[in-house]
Amino acid sequence: MMIMVRAIVRPEKADDVLAALMDNGYPAVTKYSVAGRGKQRGIKIGEVTYDEIPKTMLMSVVKADDKDFVINTIMDAARSGTKGAFGDGKIFVTDVEDVYTISSGVNEAAPVEEA
C-alpha cells in the first residue's frame, strides 16, 4: 500500500524540508507555490488584512510503512523554533490506490508476484 503525503509549509522552510527528505532517502517530491489561510484567518498589518498567505505545498507518495518516519521528518524540518508557531503548516495523508509510471506502464502499487 502507498500513501500520498501533502505538506503545506512556510515558503522559507520548503528547502529545509526538501533537504531533510532527500537526506533520509525520499527524493521524489512535487513542489507547488500556493496561497491560503488557516485558523488564523490571515494576517492584519495596520489597516490591511492579508487573507491569502503564501505557502509551499510539497507532495510525495511513499510506502505506507514509511508514513510515520516521513511525517516526523517533515514536521522536524518545517517547525519554527523548538515549539513551533501558528502558520507553520499542515500535513495531509491519503491512501493511494494505484501508481503508474508513464514511460513503462508499470503499476508500482501492484503487489509483487513471487516466482
PDB file of N, CA and C in Angstrom:
ATOM      1  N   MET A   1       0.846  -1.178   0.000  1.00  0.00           N
ATOM      2  CA  MET A   1       0.000   0.000   0.000  1.00  0.00           C
ATOM      3  C   MET A   1       0.891   1.241   0.000  1.00  0.00           C
ATOM      4  N   MET A   2       0.444   2.242  -0.736  1.00  0.00           N
ATOM      5  CA  MET A   2       1.169   3.513  -0.831  1.00  0.00           C
ATOM      6  C   MET A   2       0.270   4.615  -0.261  1.00  0.00           C
ATOM      7  N   ILE A   3       0.900   5.688   0.199  1.00  0.00           N
ATOM      8  CA  ILE A   3       0.158   6.841   0.691  1.00  0.00           C
ATOM      9  C   ILE A   3       0.703   8.107   0.045  1.00  0.00           C
ATOM     10  N   MET A   4      -0.146   9.124  -0.024  1.00  0.00           N
ATOM     11  CA  MET A   4       0.292  10.436  -0.502  1.00  0.00           C
ATOM     12  C   MET A   4       0.363  11.363   0.705  1.00  0.00           C
ATOM     13  N   VAL A   5       1.498  12.011   0.841  1.00  0.00           N
ATOM     14  CA  VAL A   5       1.702  12.982   1.910  1.00  0.00           C
ATOM     15  C   VAL A   5       1.770  14.351   1.263  1.00  0.00           C
ATOM     16  N   ARG A   6       0.864  15.238   1.655  1.00  0.00           N
ATOM     17  CA  ARG A   6       0.881  16.623   1.176  1.00  0.00           C
ATOM     18  C   ARG A   6       1.145  17.512   2.372  1.00  0.00           C
ATOM     19  N   ALA A   7       2.228  18.247   2.310  1.00  0.00           N
ATOM     20  CA  ALA A   7       2.607  19.143   3.402  1.00  0.00           C
ATOM     21  C   ALA A   7       2.540  20.577   2.900  1.00  0.00           C
ATOM     22  N   ILE A   8       1.802  21.409   3.620  1.00  0.00           N
ATOM     23  CA  ILE A   8       1.751  22.837   3.316  1.00  0.00           C
ATOM     24  C   ILE A   8       2.606  23.525   4.362  1.00  0.00           C
ATOM     25  N   VAL A   9       3.694  24.154   3.906  1.00  0.00           N
ATOM     26  CA  VAL A   9       4.689  24.719   4.816  1.00  0.00           C
ATOM     27  C   VAL A   9       4.991  26.172   4.458  1.00  0.00           C
ATOM     28  N   ARG A  10       5.653  26.852   5.359  1.00  0.00           N
ATOM     29  CA  ARG A  10       6.124  28.206   5.084  1.00  0.00           C
ATOM     30  C   ARG A  10       7.126  28.139   3.924  1.00  0.00           C
ATOM     31  N   PRO A  11       7.069  29.083   2.991  1.00  0.00           N
ATOM     32  CA  PRO A  11       7.994  29.045   1.851  1.00  0.00           C
ATOM     33  C   PRO A  11       9.463  29.018   2.264  1.00  0.00           C
ATOM     34  N   GLU A  12       9.798  29.710   3.335  1.00  0.00           N
ATOM     35  CA  GLU A  12      11.195  29.750   3.775  1.00  0.00           C
ATOM     36  C   GLU A  12      11.653  28.437   4.403  1.00  0.00           C
ATOM     37  N   LYS A  13      10.714  27.529   4.687  1.00  0.00           N
ATOM     38  CA  LYS A  13      11.050  26.224   5.254  1.00  0.00           C
ATOM     39  C   LYS A  13      11.056  25.109   4.204  1.00  0.00           C
ATOM     40  N   ALA A  14      10.569  25.395   3.004  1.00  0.00           N
ATOM     41  CA  ALA A  14      10.440  24.359   1.973  1.00  0.00           C
ATOM     42  C   ALA A  14      11.781  23.706   1.644  1.00  0.00           C
ATOM     43  N   ASP A  15      12.829  24.495   1.474  1.00  0.00           N
ATOM     44  CA  ASP A  15      14.138  23.916   1.140  1.00  0.00           C
ATOM     45  C   ASP A  15      14.674  23.043   2.272  1.00  0.00           C
ATOM     46  N   ASP A  16      14.395  23.420   3.522  1.00  0.00           N
ATOM     47  CA  ASP A  16      14.813  22.595   4.662  1.00  0.00           C
ATOM     48  C   ASP A  16      14.103  21.241   4.637  1.00  0.00           C
ATOM     49  N   VAL A  17      12.803  21.264   4.324  1.00  0.00           N
ATOM     50  CA  VAL A  17      12.033  20.023   4.257  1.00  0.00           C
ATOM     51  C   VAL A  17      12.532  19.153   3.105  1.00  0.00           C
ATOM     52  N   LEU A  18      12.736  19.765   1.935  1.00  0.00           N
ATOM     53  CA  LEU A  18      13.232  19.010   0.780  1.00  0.00           C
ATOM     54  C   LEU A  18      14.584  18.370   1.078  1.00  0.00           C
ATOM     55  N   ALA A  19      15.480  19.114   1.727  1.00  0.00           N
ATOM     56  CA  ALA A  19      16.807  18.580   2.075  1.00  0.00           C
ATOM     57  C   ALA A  19      16.685  17.433   3.067  1.00  0.00           C
ATOM     58  N   ALA A  20      15.813  17.569   4.064  1.00  0.00           N
ATOM     59  CA  ALA A  20      15.639  16.512   5.062  1.00  0.00           C
ATOM     60  C   ALA A  20      15.079  15.242   4.419  1.00  0.00           C
ATOM     61  N   LEU A  21      14.106  15.394   3.532  1.00  0.00           N
ATOM     62  CA  LEU A  21      13.569  14.227   2.833  1.00  0.00           C
ATOM     63  C   LEU A  21      14.638  13.563   1.965  1.00  0.00           C
ATOM     64  N   MET A  22      15.391  14.368   1.230  1.00  0.00           N
ATOM     65  CA  MET A  22      16.462  13.835   0.374  1.00  0.00           C
ATOM     66  C   MET A  22      17.499  13.092   1.220  1.00  0.00           C
ATOM     67  N   ASP A  23      17.928  13.702   2.312  1.00  0.00           N
ATOM     68  CA  ASP A  23      18.939  13.087   3.178  1.00  0.00           C
ATOM     69  C   ASP A  23      18.480  11.764   3.778  1.00  0.00           C
ATOM     70  N   ASN A  24      17.159  11.602   3.910  1.00  0.00           N
ATOM     71  CA  ASN A  24      16.618  10.390   4.515  1.00  0.00           C
ATOM     72  C   ASN A  24      16.088   9.393   3.494  1.00  0.00           C
ATOM     73  N   GLY A  25      16.396   9.622   2.199  1.00  0.00           N
ATOM     74  CA  GLY A  25      16.066   8.638   1.176  1.00  0.00           C
ATOM     75  C   GLY A  25      14.731   8.822   0.485  1.00  0.00           C
ATOM     76  N   TYR A  26      14.164  10.024   0.563  1.00  0.00           N
ATOM     77  CA  TYR A  26      12.884  10.302  -0.088  1.00  0.00           C
ATOM     78  C   TYR A  26      13.032  11.489  -1.036  1.00  0.00           C
ATOM     79  N   PRO A  27      13.682  11.287  -2.191  1.00  0.00           N
ATOM     80  CA  PRO A  27      13.956  12.404  -3.103  1.00  0.00           C
ATOM     81  C   PRO A  27      12.771  12.801  -3.986  1.00  0.00           C
ATOM     82  N   ALA A  28      11.769  11.936  -4.138  1.00  0.00           N
ATOM     83  CA  ALA A  28      10.669  12.186  -5.075  1.00  0.00           C
ATOM     84  C   ALA A  28       9.615  13.085  -4.432  1.00  0.00           C
ATOM     85  N   VAL A  29       9.627  14.355  -4.809  1.00  0.00           N
ATOM     86  CA  VAL A  29       8.701  15.339  -4.245  1.00  0.00           C
ATOM     87  C   VAL A  29       8.265  16.290  -5.354  1.00  0.00           C
ATOM     88  N   THR A  30       6.978  16.648  -5.338  1.00  0.00           N
ATOM     89  CA  THR A  30       6.469  17.680  -6.228  1.00  0.00           C
ATOM     90  C   THR A  30       6.218  18.917  -5.388  1.00  0.00           C
ATOM     91  N   LYS A  31       6.639  20.076  -5.911  1.00  0.00           N
ATOM     92  CA  LYS A  31       6.570  21.329  -5.151  1.00  0.00           C
ATOM     93  C   LYS A  31       5.665  22.323  -5.870  1.00  0.00           C
ATOM     94  N   TYR A  32       4.727  22.909  -5.128  1.00  0.00           N
ATOM     95  CA  TYR A  32       3.797  23.909  -5.655  1.00  0.00           C
ATOM     96  C   TYR A  32       3.884  25.182  -4.816  1.00  0.00           C
ATOM     97  N   SER A  33       3.756  26.322  -5.448  1.00  0.00           N
ATOM     98  CA  SER A  33       3.537  27.571  -4.721  1.00  0.00           C
ATOM     99  C   SER A  33       2.036  27.746  -4.596  1.00  0.00           C
ATOM    100  N   VAL A  34       1.558  27.914  -3.375  1.00  0.00           N
ATOM    101  CA  VAL A  34       0.125  28.049  -3.123  1.00  0.00           C
ATOM    102  C   VAL A  34      -0.110  29.245  -2.207  1.00  0.00           C
ATOM    103  N   ALA A  35      -1.353  29.622  -2.050  1.00  0.00           N
ATOM    104  CA  ALA A  35      -1.724  30.688  -1.119  1.00  0.00           C
ATOM    105  C   ALA A  35      -3.004  30.284  -0.428  1.00  0.00           C
ATOM    106  N   GLY A  36      -3.125  30.650   0.831  1.00  0.00           N
ATOM    107  CA  GLY A  36      -4.335  30.322   1.567  1.00  0.00           C
ATOM    108  C   GLY A  36      -4.255  30.845   2.983  1.00  0.00           C
ATOM    109  N   ARG A  37      -5.161  30.347   3.809  1.00  0.00           N
ATOM    110  CA  ARG A  37      -5.155  30.753   5.204  1.00  0.00           C
ATOM    111  C   ARG A  37      -5.654  29.587   6.041  1.00  0.00           C
ATOM    112  N   GLY A  38      -5.253  29.574   7.273  1.00  0.00           N
ATOM    113  CA  GLY A  38      -5.693  28.546   8.202  1.00  0.00           C
ATOM    114  C   GLY A  38      -6.581  29.152   9.268  1.00  0.00           C
ATOM    115  N   LYS A  39      -6.475  28.624  10.464  1.00  0.00           N
ATOM    116  CA  LYS A  39      -7.299  29.087  11.572  1.00  0.00           C
ATOM    117  C   LYS A  39      -7.087  30.560  11.891  1.00  0.00           C
ATOM    118  N   GLN A  40      -5.880  31.056  11.598  1.00  0.00           N
ATOM    119  CA  GLN A  40      -5.590  32.447  11.951  1.00  0.00           C
ATOM    120  C   GLN A  40      -6.307  33.447  11.044  1.00  0.00           C
ATOM    121  N   ARG A  41      -6.948  32.964   9.978  1.00  0.00           N
ATOM    122  CA  ARG A  41      -7.745  33.788   9.071  1.00  0.00           C
ATOM    123  C   ARG A  41      -6.948  34.916   8.427  1.00  0.00           C
ATOM    124  N   GLY A  42      -5.714  34.680   8.139  1.00  0.00           N
ATOM    125  CA  GLY A  42      -4.886  35.702   7.515  1.00  0.00           C
ATOM    126  C   GLY A  42      -4.147  36.525   8.555  1.00  0.00           C
ATOM    127  N   ILE A  43      -3.538  37.583   8.082  1.00  0.00           N
ATOM    128  CA  ILE A  43      -2.752  38.458   8.953  1.00  0.00           C
ATOM    129  C   ILE A  43      -3.212  39.890   8.751  1.00  0.00           C
ATOM    130  N   LYS A  44      -3.377  40.624   9.854  1.00  0.00           N
ATOM    131  CA  LYS A  44      -3.737  42.035   9.761  1.00  0.00           C
ATOM    132  C   LYS A  44      -2.519  42.851  10.166  1.00  0.00           C
ATOM    133  N   ILE A  45      -2.080  43.707   9.237  1.00  0.00           N
ATOM    134  CA  ILE A  45      -0.952  44.604   9.494  1.00  0.00           C
ATOM    135  C   ILE A  45      -1.476  46.021   9.304  1.00  0.00           C
ATOM    136  N   GLY A  46      -1.584  46.747  10.414  1.00  0.00           N
ATOM    137  CA  GLY A  46      -2.197  48.072  10.343  1.00  0.00           C
ATOM    138  C   GLY A  46      -3.655  47.920   9.972  1.00  0.00           C
ATOM    139  N   GLU A  47      -4.076  48.616   8.944  1.00  0.00           N
ATOM    140  CA  GLU A  47      -5.464  48.550   8.478  1.00  0.00           C
ATOM    141  C   GLU A  47      -5.665  47.538   7.355  1.00  0.00           C
ATOM    142  N   VAL A  48      -4.587  46.886   6.935  1.00  0.00           N
ATOM    143  CA  VAL A  48      -4.665  45.953   5.806  1.00  0.00           C
ATOM    144  C   VAL A  48      -4.694  44.515   6.316  1.00  0.00           C
ATOM    145  N   THR A  49      -5.672  43.737   5.832  1.00  0.00           N
ATOM    146  CA  THR A  49      -5.761  42.313   6.155  1.00  0.00           C
ATOM    147  C   THR A  49      -5.339  41.513   4.929  1.00  0.00           C
ATOM    148  N   TYR A  50      -4.402  40.608   5.142  1.00  0.00           N
ATOM    149  CA  TYR A  50      -3.926  39.729   4.076  1.00  0.00           C
ATOM    150  C   TYR A  50      -4.604  38.375   4.266  1.00  0.00           C
ATOM    151  N   ASP A  51      -5.627  38.098   3.419  1.00  0.00           N
ATOM    152  CA  ASP A  51      -6.400  36.862   3.524  1.00  0.00           C
ATOM    153  C   ASP A  51      -5.637  35.643   3.017  1.00  0.00           C
ATOM    154  N   GLU A  52      -4.857  35.846   1.985  1.00  0.00           N
ATOM    155  CA  GLU A  52      -4.151  34.726   1.379  1.00  0.00           C
ATOM    156  C   GLU A  52      -2.660  34.873   1.625  1.00  0.00           C
ATOM    157  N   ILE A  53      -2.140  33.939   2.373  1.00  0.00           N
ATOM    158  CA  ILE A  53      -0.730  33.973   2.771  1.00  0.00           C
ATOM    159  C   ILE A  53       0.029  32.978   1.900  1.00  0.00           C
ATOM    160  N   PRO A  54       1.176  33.392   1.339  1.00  0.00           N
ATOM    161  CA  PRO A  54       1.956  32.471   0.508  1.00  0.00           C
ATOM    162  C   PRO A  54       2.454  31.270   1.313  1.00  0.00           C
ATOM    163  N   LYS A  55       2.294  30.099   0.749  1.00  0.00           N
ATOM    164  CA  LYS A  55       2.773  28.846   1.331  1.00  0.00           C
ATOM    165  C   LYS A  55       3.358  28.000   0.204  1.00  0.00           C
ATOM    166  N   THR A  56       3.999  26.917   0.579  1.00  0.00           N
ATOM    167  CA  THR A  56       4.508  25.950  -0.386  1.00  0.00           C
ATOM    168  C   THR A  56       3.904  24.596  -0.061  1.00  0.00           C
ATOM    169  N   MET A  57       3.378  23.906  -1.084  1.00  0.00           N
ATOM    170  CA  MET A  57       2.870  22.553  -0.893  1.00  0.00           C
ATOM    171  C   MET A  57       3.886  21.570  -1.462  1.00  0.00           C
ATOM    172  N   LEU A  58       4.251  20.603  -0.645  1.00  0.00           N
ATOM    173  CA  LEU A  58       5.148  19.530  -1.056  1.00  0.00           C
ATOM    174  C   LEU A  58       4.340  18.238  -1.049  1.00  0.00           C
ATOM    175  N   MET A  59       4.410  17.508  -2.150  1.00  0.00           N
ATOM    176  CA  MET A  59       3.629  16.290  -2.297  1.00  0.00           C
ATOM    177  C   MET A  59       4.552  15.127  -2.621  1.00  0.00           C
ATOM    178  N   SER A  60       4.362  14.020  -1.904  1.00  0.00           N
ATOM    179  CA  SER A  60       5.180  12.837  -2.133  1.00  0.00           C
ATOM    180  C   SER A  60       4.344  11.588  -1.901  1.00  0.00           C
ATOM    181  N   VAL A  61       4.627  10.552  -2.670  1.00  0.00           N
ATOM    182  CA  VAL A  61       3.974   9.255  -2.479  1.00  0.00           C
ATOM    183  C   VAL A  61       5.033   8.295  -1.960  1.00  0.00           C
ATOM    184  N   VAL A  62       4.729   7.659  -0.830  1.00  0.00           N
ATOM    185  CA  VAL A  62       5.676   6.753  -0.179  1.00  0.00           C
ATOM    186  C   VAL A  62       4.950   5.485   0.254  1.00  0.00           C
ATOM    187  N   LYS A  63       5.705   4.479   0.633  1.00  0.00           N
ATOM    188  CA  LYS A  63       5.126   3.248   1.162  1.00  0.00           C
ATOM    189  C   LYS A  63       4.443   3.557   2.492  1.00  0.00           C
ATOM    190  N   ALA A  64       3.309   2.924   2.733  1.00  0.00           N
ATOM    191  CA  ALA A  64       2.555   3.163   3.966  1.00  0.00           C
ATOM    192  C   ALA A  64       3.399   2.873   5.206  1.00  0.00           C
ATOM    193  N   ASP A  65       4.299   1.900   5.105  1.00  0.00           N
ATOM    194  CA  ASP A  65       5.164   1.574   6.245  1.00  0.00           C
ATOM    195  C   ASP A  65       6.084   2.730   6.619  1.00  0.00           C
ATOM    196  N   ASP A  66       6.347   3.646   5.681  1.00  0.00           N
ATOM    197  CA  ASP A  66       7.255   4.777   5.920  1.00  0.00           C
ATOM    198  C   ASP A  66       6.529   6.035   6.386  1.00  0.00           C
ATOM    199  N   LYS A  67       5.206   5.955   6.517  1.00  0.00           N
ATOM    200  CA  LYS A  67       4.383   7.136   6.813  1.00  0.00           C
ATOM    201  C   LYS A  67       4.871   7.917   8.032  1.00  0.00           C
ATOM    202  N   ASP A  68       4.990   7.271   9.173  1.00  0.00           N
ATOM    203  CA  ASP A  68       5.356   7.980  10.408  1.00  0.00           C
ATOM    204  C   ASP A  68       6.728   8.630  10.298  1.00  0.00           C
ATOM    205  N   PHE A  69       7.684   7.919   9.687  1.00  0.00           N
ATOM    206  CA  PHE A  69       9.025   8.473   9.539  1.00  0.00           C
ATOM    207  C   PHE A  69       9.012   9.720   8.656  1.00  0.00           C
ATOM    208  N   VAL A  70       8.306   9.650   7.536  1.00  0.00           N
ATOM    209  CA  VAL A  70       8.235  10.779   6.605  1.00  0.00           C
ATOM    210  C   VAL A  70       7.534  11.970   7.261  1.00  0.00           C
ATOM    211  N   ILE A  71       6.433  11.718   7.948  1.00  0.00           N
ATOM    212  CA  ILE A  71       5.711  12.804   8.625  1.00  0.00           C
ATOM    213  C   ILE A  71       6.592  13.462   9.684  1.00  0.00           C
ATOM    214  N   ASN A  72       7.273  12.668  10.485  1.00  0.00           N
ATOM    215  CA  ASN A  72       8.159  13.239  11.510  1.00  0.00           C
ATOM    216  C   ASN A  72       9.316  14.020  10.897  1.00  0.00           C
ATOM    217  N   THR A  73       9.833  13.536   9.778  1.00  0.00           N
ATOM    218  CA  THR A  73      10.908  14.250   9.083  1.00  0.00           C
ATOM    219  C   THR A  73      10.418  15.617   8.615  1.00  0.00           C
ATOM    220  N   ILE A  74       9.230  15.657   8.041  1.00  0.00           N
ATOM    221  CA  ILE A  74       8.655  16.924   7.571  1.00  0.00           C
ATOM    222  C   ILE A  74       8.400  17.858   8.748  1.00  0.00           C
ATOM    223  N   MET A  75       7.782  17.347   9.812  1.00  0.00           N
ATOM    224  CA  MET A  75       7.475  18.200  10.965  1.00  0.00           C
ATOM    225  C   MET A  75       8.737  18.784  11.586  1.00  0.00           C
ATOM    226  N   ASP A  76       9.758  17.960  11.745  1.00  0.00           N
ATOM    227  CA  ASP A  76      11.004  18.448  12.339  1.00  0.00           C
ATOM    228  C   ASP A  76      11.637  19.551  11.498  1.00  0.00           C
ATOM    229  N   ALA A  77      11.598  19.404  10.170  1.00  0.00           N
ATOM    230  CA  ALA A  77      12.241  20.381   9.282  1.00  0.00           C
ATOM    231  C   ALA A  77      11.383  21.633   9.080  1.00  0.00           C
ATOM    232  N   ALA A  78      10.069  21.513   9.185  1.00  0.00           N
ATOM    233  CA  ALA A  78       9.179  22.641   8.893  1.00  0.00           C
ATOM    234  C   ALA A  78       8.814  23.468  10.118  1.00  0.00           C
ATOM    235  N   ARG A  79       9.033  22.943  11.299  1.00  0.00           N
ATOM    236  CA  ARG A  79       8.635  23.630  12.536  1.00  0.00           C
ATOM    237  C   ARG A  79       9.513  24.848  12.797  1.00  0.00           C
ATOM    238  N   SER A  80       8.880  25.943  13.170  1.00  0.00           N
ATOM    239  CA  SER A  80       9.599  27.169  13.538  1.00  0.00           C
ATOM    240  C   SER A  80      10.049  27.059  14.992  1.00  0.00           C
ATOM    241  N   GLY A  81      11.341  27.212  15.224  1.00  0.00           N
ATOM    242  CA  GLY A  81      11.858  27.126  16.591  1.00  0.00           C
ATOM    243  C   GLY A  81      11.660  25.743  17.178  1.00  0.00           C
ATOM    244  N   THR A  82      11.702  25.652  18.500  1.00  0.00           N
ATOM    245  CA  THR A  82      11.579  24.348  19.151  1.00  0.00           C
ATOM    246  C   THR A  82      10.130  23.965  19.423  1.00  0.00           C
ATOM    247  N   LYS A  83       9.260  24.966  19.580  1.00  0.00           N
ATOM    248  CA  LYS A  83       7.864  24.689  19.898  1.00  0.00           C
ATOM    249  C   LYS A  83       6.925  24.903  18.722  1.00  0.00           C
ATOM    250  N   GLY A  84       7.398  25.492  17.644  1.00  0.00           N
ATOM    251  CA  GLY A  84       6.539  25.769  16.509  1.00  0.00           C
ATOM    252  C   GLY A  84       5.762  27.063  16.697  1.00  0.00           C
ATOM    253  N   ALA A  85       5.045  27.466  15.649  1.00  0.00           N
ATOM    254  CA  ALA A  85       4.280  28.712  15.681  1.00  0.00           C
ATOM    255  C   ALA A  85       3.073  28.583  14.763  1.00  0.00           C
ATOM    256  N   PHE A  86       2.049  29.449  14.993  1.00  0.00           N
ATOM    257  CA  PHE A  86       0.907  29.484  14.087  1.00  0.00           C
ATOM    258  C   PHE A  86       1.421  29.737  12.678  1.00  0.00           C
ATOM    259  N   GLY A  87       0.848  29.046  11.715  1.00  0.00           N
ATOM    260  CA  GLY A  87       1.244  29.242  10.327  1.00  0.00           C
ATOM    261  C   GLY A  87       2.362  28.337   9.855  1.00  0.00           C
ATOM    262  N   ASP A  88       2.834  27.431  10.727  1.00  0.00           N
ATOM    263  CA  ASP A  88       3.889  26.503  10.297  1.00  0.00           C
ATOM    264  C   ASP A  88       3.394  25.528   9.246  1.00  0.00           C
ATOM    265  N   GLY A  89       2.091  25.261   9.201  1.00  0.00           N
ATOM    266  CA  GLY A  89       1.543  24.439   8.134  1.00  0.00           C
ATOM    267  C   GLY A  89       0.739  23.254   8.609  1.00  0.00           C
ATOM    268  N   LYS A  90       0.394  22.415   7.652  1.00  0.00           N
ATOM    269  CA  LYS A  90      -0.401  21.204   7.878  1.00  0.00           C
ATOM    270  C   LYS A  90       0.145  20.087   7.014  1.00  0.00           C
ATOM    271  N   ILE A  91      -0.110  18.853   7.441  1.00  0.00           N
ATOM    272  CA  ILE A  91       0.242  17.671   6.662  1.00  0.00           C
ATOM    273  C   ILE A  91      -1.035  16.859   6.462  1.00  0.00           C
ATOM    274  N   PHE A  92      -1.307  16.491   5.213  1.00  0.00           N
ATOM    275  CA  PHE A  92      -2.475  15.690   4.878  1.00  0.00           C
ATOM    276  C   PHE A  92      -1.990  14.353   4.315  1.00  0.00           C
ATOM    277  N   VAL A  93      -2.593  13.269   4.769  1.00  0.00           N
ATOM    278  CA  VAL A  93      -2.202  11.932   4.335  1.00  0.00           C
ATOM    279  C   VAL A  93      -3.431  11.235   3.751  1.00  0.00           C
ATOM    280  N   THR A  94      -3.274  10.681   2.537  1.00  0.00           N
ATOM    281  CA  THR A  94      -4.358   9.944   1.897  1.00  0.00           C
ATOM    282  C   THR A  94      -3.816   8.646   1.302  1.00  0.00           C
ATOM    283  N   ASP A  95      -4.695   7.666   1.201  1.00  0.00           N
ATOM    284  CA  ASP A  95      -4.325   6.398   0.560  1.00  0.00           C
ATOM    285  C   ASP A  95      -4.196   6.616  -0.943  1.00  0.00           C
ATOM    286  N   VAL A  96      -3.282   5.869  -1.545  1.00  0.00           N
ATOM    287  CA  VAL A  96      -3.102   5.898  -2.996  1.00  0.00           C
ATOM    288  C   VAL A  96      -3.473   4.520  -3.517  1.00  0.00           C
ATOM    289  N   GLU A  97      -4.461   4.500  -4.399  1.00  0.00           N
ATOM    290  CA  GLU A  97      -4.958   3.234  -4.925  1.00  0.00           C
ATOM    291  C   GLU A  97      -3.985   2.617  -5.923  1.00  0.00           C
ATOM    292  N   ASP A  98      -3.488   3.412  -6.857  1.00  0.00           N
ATOM    293  CA  ASP A  98      -2.568   2.928  -7.888  1.00  0.00           C
ATOM    294  C   ASP A  98      -1.547   3.997  -8.213  1.00  0.00           C
ATOM    295  N   VAL A  99      -0.371   3.541  -8.674  1.00  0.00           N
ATOM    296  CA  VAL A  99       0.694   4.438  -9.133  1.00  0.00           C
ATOM    297  C   VAL A  99       1.254   3.847 -10.410  1.00  0.00           C
ATOM    298  N   TYR A 100       1.152   4.589 -11.512  1.00  0.00           N
ATOM    299  CA  TYR A 100       1.659   4.110 -12.789  1.00  0.00           C
ATOM    300  C   TYR A 100       2.817   4.978 -13.250  1.00  0.00           C
ATOM    301  N   THR A 101       3.861   4.331 -13.760  1.00  0.00           N
ATOM    302  CA  THR A 101       4.945   5.047 -14.410  1.00  0.00           C
ATOM    303  C   THR A 101       4.562   5.173 -15.882  1.00  0.00           C
ATOM    304  N   ILE A 102       4.493   6.384 -16.380  1.00  0.00           N
ATOM    305  CA  ILE A 102       4.020   6.624 -17.738  1.00  0.00           C
ATOM    306  C   ILE A 102       4.915   5.959 -18.775  1.00  0.00           C
ATOM    307  N   SER A 103       6.222   6.077 -18.633  1.00  0.00           N
ATOM    308  CA  SER A 103       7.128   5.552 -19.664  1.00  0.00           C
ATOM    309  C   SER A 103       7.055   4.032 -19.813  1.00  0.00           C
ATOM    310  N   SER A 104       6.912   3.313 -18.700  1.00  0.00           N
ATOM    311  CA  SER A 104       6.907   1.849 -18.767  1.00  0.00           C
ATOM    312  C   SER A 104       5.505   1.245 -18.666  1.00  0.00           C
ATOM    313  N   GLY A 105       4.550   2.015 -18.145  1.00  0.00           N
ATOM    314  CA  GLY A 105       3.215   1.489 -17.938  1.00  0.00           C
ATOM    315  C   GLY A 105       3.102   0.601 -16.708  1.00  0.00           C
ATOM    316  N   VAL A 106       4.162   0.520 -15.917  1.00  0.00           N
ATOM    317  CA  VAL A 106       4.182  -0.354 -14.741  1.00  0.00           C
ATOM    318  C   VAL A 106       3.346   0.252 -13.621  1.00  0.00           C
ATOM    319  N   ASN A 107       2.513  -0.596 -13.002  1.00  0.00           N
ATOM    320  CA  ASN A 107       1.749  -0.210 -11.822  1.00  0.00           C
ATOM    321  C   ASN A 107       2.644  -0.466 -10.620  1.00  0.00           C
ATOM    322  N   GLU A 108       3.184   0.595 -10.035  1.00  0.00           N
ATOM    323  CA  GLU A 108       4.131   0.462  -8.925  1.00  0.00           C
ATOM    324  C   GLU A 108       3.472   0.075  -7.605  1.00  0.00           C
ATOM    325  N   ALA A 109       2.159   0.239  -7.514  1.00  0.00           N
ATOM    326  CA  ALA A 109       1.455  -0.098  -6.292  1.00  0.00           C
ATOM    327  C   ALA A 109       0.952  -1.537  -6.292  1.00  0.00           C
ATOM    328  N   ALA A 110       1.096  -2.223  -7.427  1.00  0.00           N
ATOM    329  CA  ALA A 110       0.623  -3.604  -7.525  1.00  0.00           C
ATOM    330  C   ALA A 110       1.505  -4.512  -6.669  1.00  0.00           C
ATOM    331  N   PRO A 111       0.907  -5.550  -6.069  1.00  0.00           N
ATOM    332  CA  PRO A 111       1.706  -6.485  -5.283  1.00  0.00           C
ATOM    333  C   PRO A 111       2.741  -7.184  -6.169  1.00  0.00           C
ATOM    334  N   VAL A 112       3.896  -7.425  -5.619  1.00  0.00           N
ATOM    335  CA  VAL A 112       4.973  -8.108  -6.363  1.00  0.00           C
ATOM    336  C   VAL A 112       4.658  -9.594  -6.401  1.00  0.00           C
ATOM    337  N   GLU A 113       4.659 -10.164  -7.612  1.00  0.00           N
ATOM    338  CA  GLU A 113       4.391 -11.590  -7.750  1.00  0.00           C
ATOM    339  C   GLU A 113       5.661 -12.380  -7.484  1.00  0.00           C
ATOM    340  N   GLU A 114       5.514 -13.419  -6.695  1.00  0.00           N
ATOM    341  CA  GLU A 114       6.651 -14.287  -6.394  1.00  0.00           C
ATOM    342  C   GLU A 114       6.723 -15.413  -7.410  1.00  0.00           C
ATOM    343  N   ALA A 115       7.943 -15.786  -7.780  1.00  0.00           N
ATOM    344  CA  ALA A 115       8.120 -16.838  -8.791  1.00  0.00           C
ATOM    345  C   ALA A 115       8.016 -18.211  -8.204  1.00  0.00           C
TER     346      ALA A 115
END
